[in-house]
Structure formats: structure tokens, C-alpha cells
Amino acid sequence: MAVRGGDGTGDAGAPGAGTARTGTTGAGAAGARVPADVLEEAAESIGTTLDETTTCQELVAFVCRRLCEAAAVDLLPTDVTAGRRSPDAEFTRAATAGRTLLLPPPDGPRPLSVRALDEGRPIAASIDLSARTPRQVAAVPLLAQGRRYGVLLAVRQGAPFTGTDLAVARHAARLTAVHLGHARRHETLRGTVMDLQRALLAAPGRPHPNLDLATRYLPAGGGSLVGGDWFETVRLHFGRTLLVVGDVMGHGLDAAVDMTAYRSMLRYVASTDLPPHRVLRRLDTAVSEDGTRRPATCLLVRVDPARGTAVIAGAGHLPPVVFAGDGTGELLPLPVGPPLGTGLGGYQQVVRRLSPDDTLVMFTDGLVERRGEDIDESLARLAALRLPPGAGVDELLDEVLVKLDARHAEDDVAVLAARIRARGHPA
């Protein structure tokens, strides 16, 4: 099939077979006005999230409501968004709506798409498919801030696209391109923060060899940036180890930066070998006097394998759970002190016996919290888990994450599990 362009050149590649009876258009879009109600609808319905696929779906839904019977968004590879595209660059179909059988196939030739991108304006063609009703096709480039993200394809049968139609499509496509730029910059920043956080959390301080240790960090899904969840271990004298889990309030790069500051301060204060509740008091004072850090919750457990004890203190943090050798769990009662950074102090500690069969699990709230559920119910669900008897620390921790569906949690999840290594057990 050939589509005759207005400049006398032929463009191949629309669906079906036939010959164009009318030429391509597009210049009229530049002078046409977009109705105010259309501007408002586009602004409210396109770009409601920072998810690229969702934004494309919102665009095709909008143009199908306003202009056409079927629509698709074909995106360029991210490495060819700047400058003039190569004609052989492959598109990826990101979203469709309406009567999709009217659309050109995702892997078919795209003369209108290529031309719309190269000329930076909407291109429309009326295609006569033999005895069938003429099919109207408009290709509208997704352009914003000097970058080319792809093409919007709008298809309908009957009347050709008017200048106002193309102006509407062009406005919606440009709005979409702006949001795609935001989404990609957001994803780049999120990736940077996640890389930073993974690097920081991948290697907590080495505990004494008399402890078996396992840790996991799972960033939340969706559009939120990673937060300030963290864990740490600090070697102390006489074979003891201080285990730490904390959560800086908020998300994003600022929370991750504050998380590193808390970790640095904690290492310094813990090196003085103060009891856990006094470590929290020192941290609270330092952070509140600084005044630039976000508040944070924190849980400290000082494990003494020689005595088989754990000394526990918390600052606004959820209590730990201990799983016995038979796989049953127990939530440890713990006085709740204020979060760090409030300057209120008042931290207390408790002592718990630990045997080599016990596994201590410390975690941030993303592991257990569920929307609309009381936190006591969430904690009870964790403590009620029945885990494989005799499981290793890594295996046990993985079981906890699977049973609580932690990979679909609404918040970041940081978890640390520790077990006293029995004497004579190889390190």
C-alpha cells in the first residue's frame, strides 16, 4: 500500500492494502486553538503518576475519548531520544486503547511516525482501503525540552483529522513527553539512591565469628524513592556484638544521606562500649542538637554469646522476634522510647536469654505493616509464623520474607537475623 504525501512523495507502511485518496496534512495544527475544557481534561488525566507505562496509557485513553477509535504510543529507545533519530531505530509499543485492530502492527513499517519525528509536527493521512471506509491515521511526535520520546498514533474511520484535532493531539502528546522526561529523571535518581543504599547496606560491619548473621534489604515498589532503612553490626569487647536496625523517616536522597549520618554516629558512640539504652541517649542528644537530621527509629541488641544473653533497647522502633529451634516465634516485650532526634531521651533496656537454637529477627516496619491493619495484628502475624525446624539463618530469613510477601510491601524492608554459633561449630 502506498500513502501519497502532500509534498508529492509516497509513504509506505499503513495497515491493510490500498491507495491514499487524500494527501497528508498537519500544518493546520499550528494555528488551531485547543478548547479550554480539553486543556483541563488533559492536565488532569495525563501524568497522574511517575510511571512511564501508566502515563502512556493515560494518553491513549484521552485521545480515544476525544479524537479517534484507536490509539497507540510507540516509544524510542532511551539512547536515541536526543537529536534526530535514525530511521532504523526500533519502536516499542508502550500502550494501546480502543479498537486495536485498526492500528498498524508494532513491528510494521512506520513512514508517518518517522516523518512526524523528523519534522517535529503531526502528520495525518487518509487511507482508502479499497471498498472499505477510509481510515484516518495521525502520527504525533512526543517532543519536549529538545528530546524525542516516540510517537502517538491515532486512527479513526470517516472524517479526516481537522487542524483542531491535530492541535489537541499535539498538546496531549507534548504534555505526555514532559511527564515522560520527569519519569525518566525520577527513575535515574531512584536508581542512584538505590545503588548508594545497596552499597552501604551490602557490607555491614563484621560481627564476631561466634554469631551467624543474615541480612536483607528490599526497596518498596511503585513510584516512591527508597528510604532510610538500614542495619549495622558493631564488634565490641569480650566477644560481644551490637546489632542495629534503624529507619529514618521519609524517602528519597535526603533520607538516605541522613541514614549514613546515623550509621556513622552510631559506630562512634557504640565504640565507647556503653549499654544500649545509653547509646540511644547519646545518639538522641547528638541528633537533636545538630537539628539538620530527620528523626529516626532504632533498635539495638547487644548479644553476648558467652553468657547467652541479649540486651535490647529501642527508640520508637518495633520489637524483635525470636524463633526457637522448632520454628515457633515469640515477640519480645520492649519499652518503647521516643524516636531519635526528638531530644526527649528516656530509653530503657531489657535482657533476654538466647540459646544457640534461637534466631533473633530485627526488622523495619515495612516487613509487617499493611494498609488499614492495626500494628499489633501485623506483629502477631509475624510471631505466629511456623518456620522449618533446624533451618539455617539465611533459610529462615528467606522463609519469613516469603511468608509475609515482603517483596510486595508498600514500604522499604530491612531485616537482620542473628543466631549464636554453638561452640565447636565451624565459623
Protein backbone atom coordinates (compact mmCIF):
# COMPACT_ATOMS: atom_id res chain seq x y z
CA MET A 1 0.00 0.00 0.00
CA ALA A 2 1.21 3.49 -0.78
CA VAL A 3 0.23 6.67 1.04
CA ARG A 4 0.62 9.77 -1.12
CA GLY A 5 2.14 12.67 0.81
CA GLY A 6 1.19 16.30 0.29
CA ASP A 7 4.68 17.07 -0.98
CA GLY A 8 4.32 14.51 -3.79
CA THR A 9 6.33 11.75 -2.07
CA GLY A 10 4.97 8.29 -1.29
CA ASP A 11 4.99 6.89 2.27
CA ALA A 12 4.55 3.13 2.75
CA GLY A 13 3.51 1.27 5.79
CA ALA A 14 -0.06 1.88 6.98
CA PRO A 15 -2.08 -1.28 7.67
CA GLY A 16 -4.02 -3.10 5.00
CA ALA A 17 -3.76 -2.52 1.25
CA GLY A 18 -4.94 0.35 -0.90
CA THR A 19 -4.04 3.79 -2.14
CA ALA A 20 -4.36 7.13 -0.39
CA ARG A 21 -7.03 9.35 -1.90
CA THR A 22 -6.07 12.46 0.06
CA GLY A 23 -2.69 13.87 0.95
CA THR A 24 -1.01 14.20 4.33
CA THR A 25 -1.81 17.22 6.48
CA GLY A 26 -0.51 18.82 9.63
CA ALA A 27 0.24 22.49 9.06
CA GLY A 28 -3.23 23.46 10.22
CA ALA A 29 -2.47 22.21 13.75
CA ALA A 30 -0.04 25.06 14.38
CA GLY A 31 -2.71 27.78 14.16
CA ALA A 32 -5.63 25.90 15.71
CA ARG A 33 -6.78 26.54 19.26
CA VAL A 34 -7.30 23.79 21.82
CA PRO A 35 -10.61 24.23 23.71
CA ALA A 36 -10.23 25.12 27.39
CA ASP A 37 -12.15 22.07 28.61
CA VAL A 38 -9.81 19.82 26.60
CA LEU A 39 -6.76 21.51 28.15
CA GLU A 40 -8.17 20.91 31.63
CA GLU A 41 -9.04 17.28 30.94
CA ALA A 42 -5.58 16.58 29.54
CA ALA A 43 -3.87 18.20 32.52
CA GLU A 44 -5.95 16.22 35.00
CA SER A 45 -5.87 12.84 33.28
CA ILE A 46 -2.32 12.58 31.85
CA GLY A 47 0.71 12.20 34.11
CA THR A 48 -1.01 11.25 37.36
CA THR A 49 1.96 9.08 38.36
CA LEU A 50 5.70 8.87 37.73
CA ASP A 51 5.25 5.52 35.99
CA GLU A 52 6.11 5.70 32.27
CA THR A 53 3.70 2.97 31.17
CA THR A 54 0.81 4.47 33.12
CA THR A 55 1.44 7.87 31.53
CA CYS A 56 1.33 6.35 28.03
CA GLN A 57 -1.89 4.51 28.88
CA GLU A 58 -3.43 7.76 30.07
CA LEU A 59 -2.51 9.46 26.78
CA VAL A 60 -4.12 6.83 24.55
CA ALA A 61 -7.24 6.76 26.73
CA PHE A 62 -7.53 10.55 26.45
CA VAL A 63 -7.20 10.71 22.65
CA CYS A 64 -9.65 7.83 22.22
CA ARG A 65 -12.20 9.75 24.27
CA ARG A 66 -11.64 12.93 22.28
CA LEU A 67 -10.44 12.15 18.78
CA CYS A 68 -10.32 8.61 17.50
CA GLU A 69 -11.35 4.97 17.64
CA ALA A 70 -7.91 3.52 18.37
CA ALA A 71 -4.59 4.87 19.64
CA ALA A 72 -1.10 3.65 20.43
CA VAL A 73 2.12 5.05 21.86
CA ASP A 74 5.37 3.81 20.32
CA LEU A 75 8.49 4.77 22.26
CA LEU A 76 12.05 5.13 21.01
CA PRO A 77 14.99 3.56 22.83
CA THR A 78 16.21 5.85 25.59
CA ASP A 79 19.60 6.29 23.92
CA VAL A 80 18.15 7.97 20.81
CA THR A 81 15.81 10.48 22.43
CA ALA A 82 18.13 13.42 21.79
CA GLY A 83 18.70 14.88 18.33
CA ARG A 84 17.46 13.48 15.05
CA ARG A 85 16.55 9.83 15.21
CA SER A 86 17.91 7.14 12.96
CA PRO A 87 15.25 5.80 10.54
CA ASP A 88 16.09 2.24 11.58
CA ALA A 89 15.68 2.83 15.32
CA GLU A 90 13.20 0.34 16.71
CA PHE A 91 9.99 1.45 18.43
CA THR A 92 8.48 -0.26 21.44
CA ARG A 93 4.70 -0.23 21.73
CA ALA A 94 4.07 1.04 25.24
CA ALA A 95 0.28 1.41 25.31
CA THR A 96 -2.86 0.92 23.20
CA ALA A 97 -6.54 1.76 23.56
CA GLY A 98 -9.77 1.43 21.59
CA ARG A 99 -10.24 -0.79 18.52
CA THR A 100 -6.67 -2.01 18.35
CA LEU A 101 -7.26 -3.95 15.10
CA LEU A 102 -7.27 -0.58 13.32
CA LEU A 103 -3.69 0.11 14.45
CA PRO A 104 -0.59 -0.65 12.39
CA PRO A 105 1.31 -3.64 13.79
CA PRO A 106 4.03 -2.88 16.39
CA ASP A 107 6.77 -4.27 14.12
CA GLY A 108 5.43 -2.87 10.83
CA PRO A 109 6.94 -0.04 8.76
CA ARG A 110 6.32 3.44 10.18
CA PRO A 111 6.62 6.12 7.45
CA LEU A 112 4.24 8.52 9.15
CA SER A 113 5.93 8.03 12.53
CA VAL A 114 9.39 8.62 11.10
CA ARG A 115 8.25 11.70 9.22
CA ALA A 116 6.43 13.14 12.24
CA LEU A 117 9.57 12.74 14.35
CA ASP A 118 11.90 14.16 11.71
CA GLU A 119 9.67 17.18 11.03
CA GLY A 120 8.63 17.64 14.66
CA ARG A 121 4.93 18.07 13.85
CA PRO A 122 1.75 15.98 13.49
CA ILE A 123 1.34 14.16 10.16
CA ALA A 124 -2.10 12.89 9.11
CA ALA A 125 -3.13 10.74 6.15
CA SER A 126 -6.44 9.49 4.78
CA ILE A 127 -6.01 5.91 3.59
CA ASP A 128 -8.51 4.33 1.17
CA LEU A 129 -8.63 0.60 1.83
CA SER A 130 -10.33 -0.39 -1.44
CA ALA A 131 -14.10 -0.62 -0.84
CA ARG A 132 -13.82 -0.08 2.89
CA THR A 133 -14.40 3.18 4.74
CA PRO A 134 -11.27 5.34 4.54
CA ARG A 135 -9.05 5.04 7.58
CA GLN A 136 -7.66 8.27 9.01
CA VAL A 137 -4.22 7.98 10.61
CA ALA A 138 -2.38 10.70 12.55
CA ALA A 139 1.18 10.39 13.80
CA VAL A 140 2.07 12.92 16.51
CA PRO A 141 5.63 13.17 17.88
CA LEU A 142 6.22 13.10 21.63
CA LEU A 143 8.57 16.08 21.92
CA ALA A 144 9.64 18.07 24.99
CA GLN A 145 12.74 20.02 26.00
CA GLY A 146 14.60 19.05 22.85
CA ARG A 147 14.04 15.34 23.31
CA ARG A 148 12.07 12.89 21.17
CA TYR A 149 10.43 10.14 23.16
CA GLY A 150 8.31 8.47 20.50
CA VAL A 151 5.09 8.84 18.54
CA LEU A 152 1.38 8.87 19.29
CA LEU A 153 -0.67 7.10 16.62
CA ALA A 154 -4.38 7.97 16.37
CA VAL A 155 -6.68 6.09 13.97
CA ARG A 156 -10.34 6.54 13.08
CA GLN A 157 -12.70 5.82 10.22
CA GLY A 158 -14.71 8.52 8.46
CA ALA A 159 -13.88 12.22 8.54
CA PRO A 160 -10.25 13.33 8.27
CA PHE A 161 -8.49 14.82 11.29
CA THR A 162 -9.00 18.58 11.43
CA GLY A 163 -6.50 21.20 12.43
CA THR A 164 -8.15 21.41 15.84
CA ASP A 165 -7.95 17.62 16.21
CA LEU A 166 -4.24 17.69 15.49
CA ALA A 167 -3.75 20.62 17.88
CA VAL A 168 -5.45 18.61 20.64
CA ALA A 169 -3.32 15.55 19.88
CA ARG A 170 -0.18 17.67 19.75
CA HIS A 171 -0.95 19.28 23.12
CA ALA A 172 -1.63 15.90 24.74
CA ALA A 173 1.50 14.39 23.20
CA ARG A 174 3.68 17.26 24.41
CA LEU A 175 2.20 17.04 27.91
CA THR A 176 2.94 13.31 27.89
CA ALA A 177 6.52 13.91 26.73
CA VAL A 178 7.09 16.34 29.62
CA HIS A 179 5.85 13.72 32.09
CA LEU A 180 7.98 11.02 30.46
CA GLY A 181 11.01 13.25 30.97
CA HIS A 182 10.07 13.65 34.65
CA ALA A 183 9.55 9.90 34.99
CA ARG A 184 12.92 9.05 33.48
CA ARG A 185 14.79 11.60 35.58
CA HIS A 186 12.98 10.27 38.62
CA GLU A 187 13.97 6.71 37.72
CA THR A 188 17.59 7.76 37.23
CA LEU A 189 17.66 9.44 40.64
CA ARG A 190 15.93 6.47 42.22
CA GLY A 191 18.50 4.16 40.68
CA THR A 192 21.32 6.31 42.04
CA VAL A 193 19.85 6.31 45.53
CA MET A 194 19.21 2.58 45.42
CA ASP A 195 22.78 1.91 44.29
CA LEU A 196 24.05 4.10 47.11
CA GLN A 197 21.87 2.37 49.66
CA ARG A 198 22.72 -1.13 48.43
CA ALA A 199 26.42 -0.28 48.55
CA LEU A 200 26.08 0.98 52.10
CA LEU A 201 23.97 -1.95 53.31
CA ALA A 202 25.69 -4.72 51.39
CA ALA A 203 28.51 -4.98 53.90
CA PRO A 204 27.53 -4.11 57.49
CA GLY A 205 30.34 -4.17 60.00
CA ARG A 206 31.62 -7.67 60.67
CA PRO A 207 30.13 -9.31 63.77
CA HIS A 208 32.22 -11.59 65.93
CA PRO A 209 32.64 -15.09 64.41
CA ASN A 210 30.57 -16.50 67.28
CA LEU A 211 27.41 -15.17 65.54
CA ASP A 212 25.68 -16.40 62.39
CA LEU A 213 24.21 -13.40 60.57
CA ALA A 214 21.89 -12.83 57.60
CA THR A 215 20.56 -9.52 56.26
CA ARG A 216 18.16 -8.47 53.50
CA TYR A 217 17.15 -5.11 52.06
CA LEU A 218 14.10 -4.83 49.76
CA PRO A 219 13.17 -1.42 48.32
CA ALA A 220 9.46 -0.72 48.02
CA GLY A 221 7.86 -0.95 44.61
CA GLY A 222 5.91 1.75 42.80
CA GLY A 223 6.96 5.35 42.32
CA SER A 224 8.39 6.13 45.75
CA LEU A 225 12.09 6.67 46.15
CA VAL A 226 13.96 4.42 48.53
CA GLY A 227 14.02 5.46 52.14
CA GLY A 228 16.32 5.46 55.13
CA ASP A 229 16.02 1.84 56.30
CA TRP A 230 19.33 0.40 57.48
CA PHE A 231 21.07 -2.20 59.57
CA GLU A 232 24.52 -2.40 61.14
CA THR A 233 26.71 -4.61 63.31
CA VAL A 234 29.46 -3.34 65.62
CA ARG A 235 32.10 -5.57 67.23
CA LEU A 236 32.55 -4.95 70.93
CA HIS A 237 34.99 -6.28 73.52
CA PHE A 238 34.81 -9.76 75.04
CA GLY A 239 33.19 -11.39 72.02
CA ARG A 240 30.02 -9.28 72.10
CA THR A 241 28.33 -7.73 69.04
CA LEU A 242 25.90 -4.82 68.83
CA LEU A 243 23.16 -5.44 66.27
CA VAL A 244 21.30 -2.42 64.89
CA VAL A 245 18.24 -1.80 62.71
CA GLY A 246 17.01 1.73 62.02
CA ASP A 247 14.58 3.68 59.89
CA VAL A 248 14.99 7.36 59.02
CA MET A 249 11.60 8.99 58.47
CA GLY A 250 10.73 9.82 54.87
CA HIS A 251 12.04 8.71 51.50
CA GLY A 252 14.47 9.87 48.87
CA LEU A 253 18.06 11.00 48.70
CA ASP A 254 17.81 13.17 51.85
CA ALA A 255 16.63 10.18 53.90
CA ALA A 256 19.46 8.03 52.52
CA VAL A 257 22.01 10.73 53.36
CA ASP A 258 20.66 11.06 56.90
CA MET A 259 20.79 7.28 57.20
CA THR A 260 24.55 7.34 56.56
CA ALA A 261 24.95 10.06 59.19
CA TYR A 262 23.10 7.96 61.77
CA ARG A 263 25.26 4.94 60.97
CA SER A 264 28.45 6.96 61.36
CA MET A 265 27.34 8.45 64.68
CA LEU A 266 26.22 5.07 65.95
CA ARG A 267 29.57 3.44 65.17
CA TYR A 268 31.37 6.21 67.04
CA VAL A 269 29.11 6.10 70.11
CA ALA A 270 28.97 2.29 70.19
CA SER A 271 32.76 2.09 70.20
CA THR A 272 32.71 3.53 73.74
CA ASP A 273 31.03 0.26 74.83
CA LEU A 274 28.10 1.93 76.56
CA PRO A 275 24.99 -0.17 77.28
CA PRO A 276 22.34 0.01 74.52
CA HIS A 277 19.99 2.43 76.27
CA ARG A 278 22.83 4.90 76.84
CA VAL A 279 23.94 4.58 73.22
CA LEU A 280 20.44 5.66 72.22
CA ARG A 281 20.56 8.55 74.68
CA ARG A 282 23.84 9.80 73.22
CA LEU A 283 22.53 9.48 69.66
CA ASP A 284 19.30 11.30 70.52
CA THR A 285 21.21 14.17 72.10
CA ALA A 286 23.66 14.48 69.20
CA VAL A 287 20.95 14.46 66.53
CA SER A 288 18.63 16.87 68.35
CA GLU A 289 21.48 19.34 68.96
CA ASP A 290 22.52 19.14 65.29
CA GLY A 291 18.99 19.99 64.17
CA THR A 292 19.53 19.14 60.49
CA ARG A 293 18.69 15.43 60.54
CA ARG A 294 15.32 13.78 60.19
CA PRO A 295 14.05 11.81 63.19
CA ALA A 296 14.65 8.07 63.08
CA THR A 297 13.56 4.95 64.89
CA CYS A 298 16.22 2.49 66.02
CA LEU A 299 16.53 -0.90 67.71
CA LEU A 300 19.74 -2.03 69.43
CA VAL A 301 20.53 -5.57 70.60
CA ARG A 302 23.85 -6.34 72.29
CA VAL A 303 24.45 -10.08 72.01
CA ASP A 304 26.86 -11.80 74.43
CA PRO A 305 27.34 -15.40 73.20
CA ALA A 306 29.48 -16.36 76.19
CA ARG A 307 26.65 -15.55 78.61
CA GLY A 308 23.84 -16.40 76.20
CA THR A 309 22.16 -13.03 76.66
CA ALA A 310 20.74 -10.22 74.54
CA VAL A 311 20.39 -6.70 75.96
CA ILE A 312 17.72 -4.82 74.00
CA ALA A 313 16.73 -1.14 73.77
CA GLY A 314 14.50 0.68 71.30
CA ALA A 315 13.83 4.24 70.17
CA GLY A 316 10.33 4.25 68.71
CA HIS A 317 11.07 1.02 66.85
CA LEU A 318 9.13 -2.23 66.58
CA PRO A 319 10.35 -5.03 68.90
CA PRO A 320 12.28 -8.04 67.64
CA VAL A 321 11.01 -11.60 67.27
CA VAL A 322 12.84 -14.73 68.40
CA PHE A 323 12.23 -18.01 66.58
CA ALA A 324 13.08 -21.13 68.56
CA GLY A 325 14.70 -24.21 67.10
CA ASP A 326 11.31 -25.81 66.49
CA GLY A 327 10.29 -22.89 64.23
CA THR A 328 7.87 -21.20 66.64
CA GLY A 329 8.08 -17.46 67.16
CA GLU A 330 7.86 -15.11 70.14
CA LEU A 331 7.51 -11.32 70.07
CA LEU A 332 9.80 -9.82 72.73
CA PRO A 333 8.18 -7.21 75.01
CA LEU A 334 10.14 -3.95 74.86
CA PRO A 335 9.67 -0.50 76.44
CA VAL A 336 9.05 1.98 73.60
CA GLY A 337 11.23 5.08 73.82
CA PRO A 338 10.82 8.19 71.62
CA PRO A 339 12.43 8.32 68.16
CA LEU A 340 15.96 9.63 67.87
CA GLY A 341 16.25 13.35 67.21
CA THR A 342 13.43 14.43 69.50
CA GLY A 343 15.72 15.25 72.45
CA LEU A 344 13.31 13.56 74.88
CA GLY A 345 15.52 10.64 75.96
CA GLY A 346 14.04 8.21 78.47
CA TYR A 347 15.30 4.95 76.94
CA GLN A 348 15.18 1.64 78.81
CA GLN A 349 16.66 -1.78 78.15
CA VAL A 350 15.63 -5.36 78.83
CA VAL A 351 17.65 -8.58 78.99
CA ARG A 352 16.65 -11.79 77.24
CA ARG A 353 18.26 -15.22 77.32
CA LEU A 354 19.36 -16.58 73.93
CA SER A 355 20.32 -20.19 73.22
CA PRO A 356 22.21 -21.42 70.14
CA ASP A 357 18.85 -22.70 68.83
CA ASP A 358 17.23 -19.25 68.95
CA THR A 359 17.22 -16.91 65.97
CA LEU A 360 16.76 -13.20 66.67
CA VAL A 361 15.00 -11.28 63.88
CA MET A 362 15.11 -7.46 63.77
CA PHE A 363 13.25 -5.54 61.08
CA THR A 364 11.81 -2.23 59.89
CA ASP A 365 8.06 -1.67 59.76
CA GLY A 366 7.79 -2.34 56.02
CA LEU A 367 8.10 -6.07 56.76
CA VAL A 368 4.87 -6.29 58.76
CA GLU A 369 2.73 -3.18 58.24
CA ARG A 370 -0.30 -3.48 55.98
CA ARG A 371 -2.66 -0.70 54.96
CA GLY A 372 -5.68 -0.45 57.27
CA GLU A 373 -4.37 -3.03 59.73
CA ASP A 374 -3.55 -2.42 63.38
CA ILE A 375 0.18 -2.80 64.04
CA ASP A 376 -0.47 -5.28 66.87
CA GLU A 377 -2.20 -7.57 64.36
CA SER A 378 0.74 -7.19 61.99
CA LEU A 379 3.25 -8.14 64.68
CA ALA A 380 1.10 -11.05 65.83
CA ARG A 381 1.08 -12.42 62.26
CA LEU A 382 4.87 -12.40 62.21
CA ALA A 383 5.18 -14.09 65.61
CA ALA A 384 2.63 -16.73 64.56
CA LEU A 385 4.72 -17.95 61.63
CA ARG A 386 5.83 -21.56 61.75
CA LEU A 387 9.24 -21.91 60.16
CA PRO A 388 11.17 -25.06 59.21
CA PRO A 389 12.71 -26.60 62.36
CA GLY A 390 16.50 -26.53 62.30
CA ALA A 391 16.69 -24.12 59.34
CA GLY A 392 19.85 -22.09 58.89
CA VAL A 393 19.79 -18.33 59.44
CA ASP A 394 19.66 -17.49 55.72
CA GLU A 395 16.98 -20.09 55.02
CA LEU A 396 14.91 -18.93 57.97
CA LEU A 397 15.11 -15.28 56.91
CA ASP A 398 14.07 -16.12 53.36
CA GLU A 399 11.09 -18.07 54.72
CA VAL A 400 9.98 -15.05 56.73
CA LEU A 401 10.17 -12.79 53.67
CA VAL A 402 8.21 -15.24 51.52
CA LYS A 403 5.50 -15.92 54.08
CA LEU A 404 4.94 -12.20 54.64
CA ASP A 405 5.14 -11.41 50.90
CA ALA A 406 7.81 -8.81 51.66
CA ARG A 407 8.69 -8.26 48.00
CA HIS A 408 5.30 -6.60 47.52
CA ALA A 409 5.50 -4.48 50.67
CA GLU A 410 4.35 -0.86 50.44
CA ASP A 411 7.45 0.40 52.27
CA ASP A 412 11.13 -0.47 52.25
CA VAL A 413 12.12 -3.57 54.20
CA ALA A 414 15.37 -4.05 56.10
CA VAL A 415 15.77 -7.28 58.08
CA LEU A 416 18.60 -8.73 60.15
CA ALA A 417 18.66 -12.23 61.64
CA ALA A 418 21.31 -13.46 64.09
CA ARG A 419 21.98 -16.70 65.94
CA ILE A 420 24.65 -17.60 68.47
CA ARG A 421 27.01 -20.12 66.90
CA ALA A 422 27.28 -23.23 69.05
CA ARG A 423 30.75 -23.94 70.39
CA GLY A 424 32.71 -26.18 68.12
CA HIS A 425 30.57 -25.13 65.10
CA PRO A 426 32.87 -24.01 62.24
CA ALA A 427 32.91 -20.27 61.52
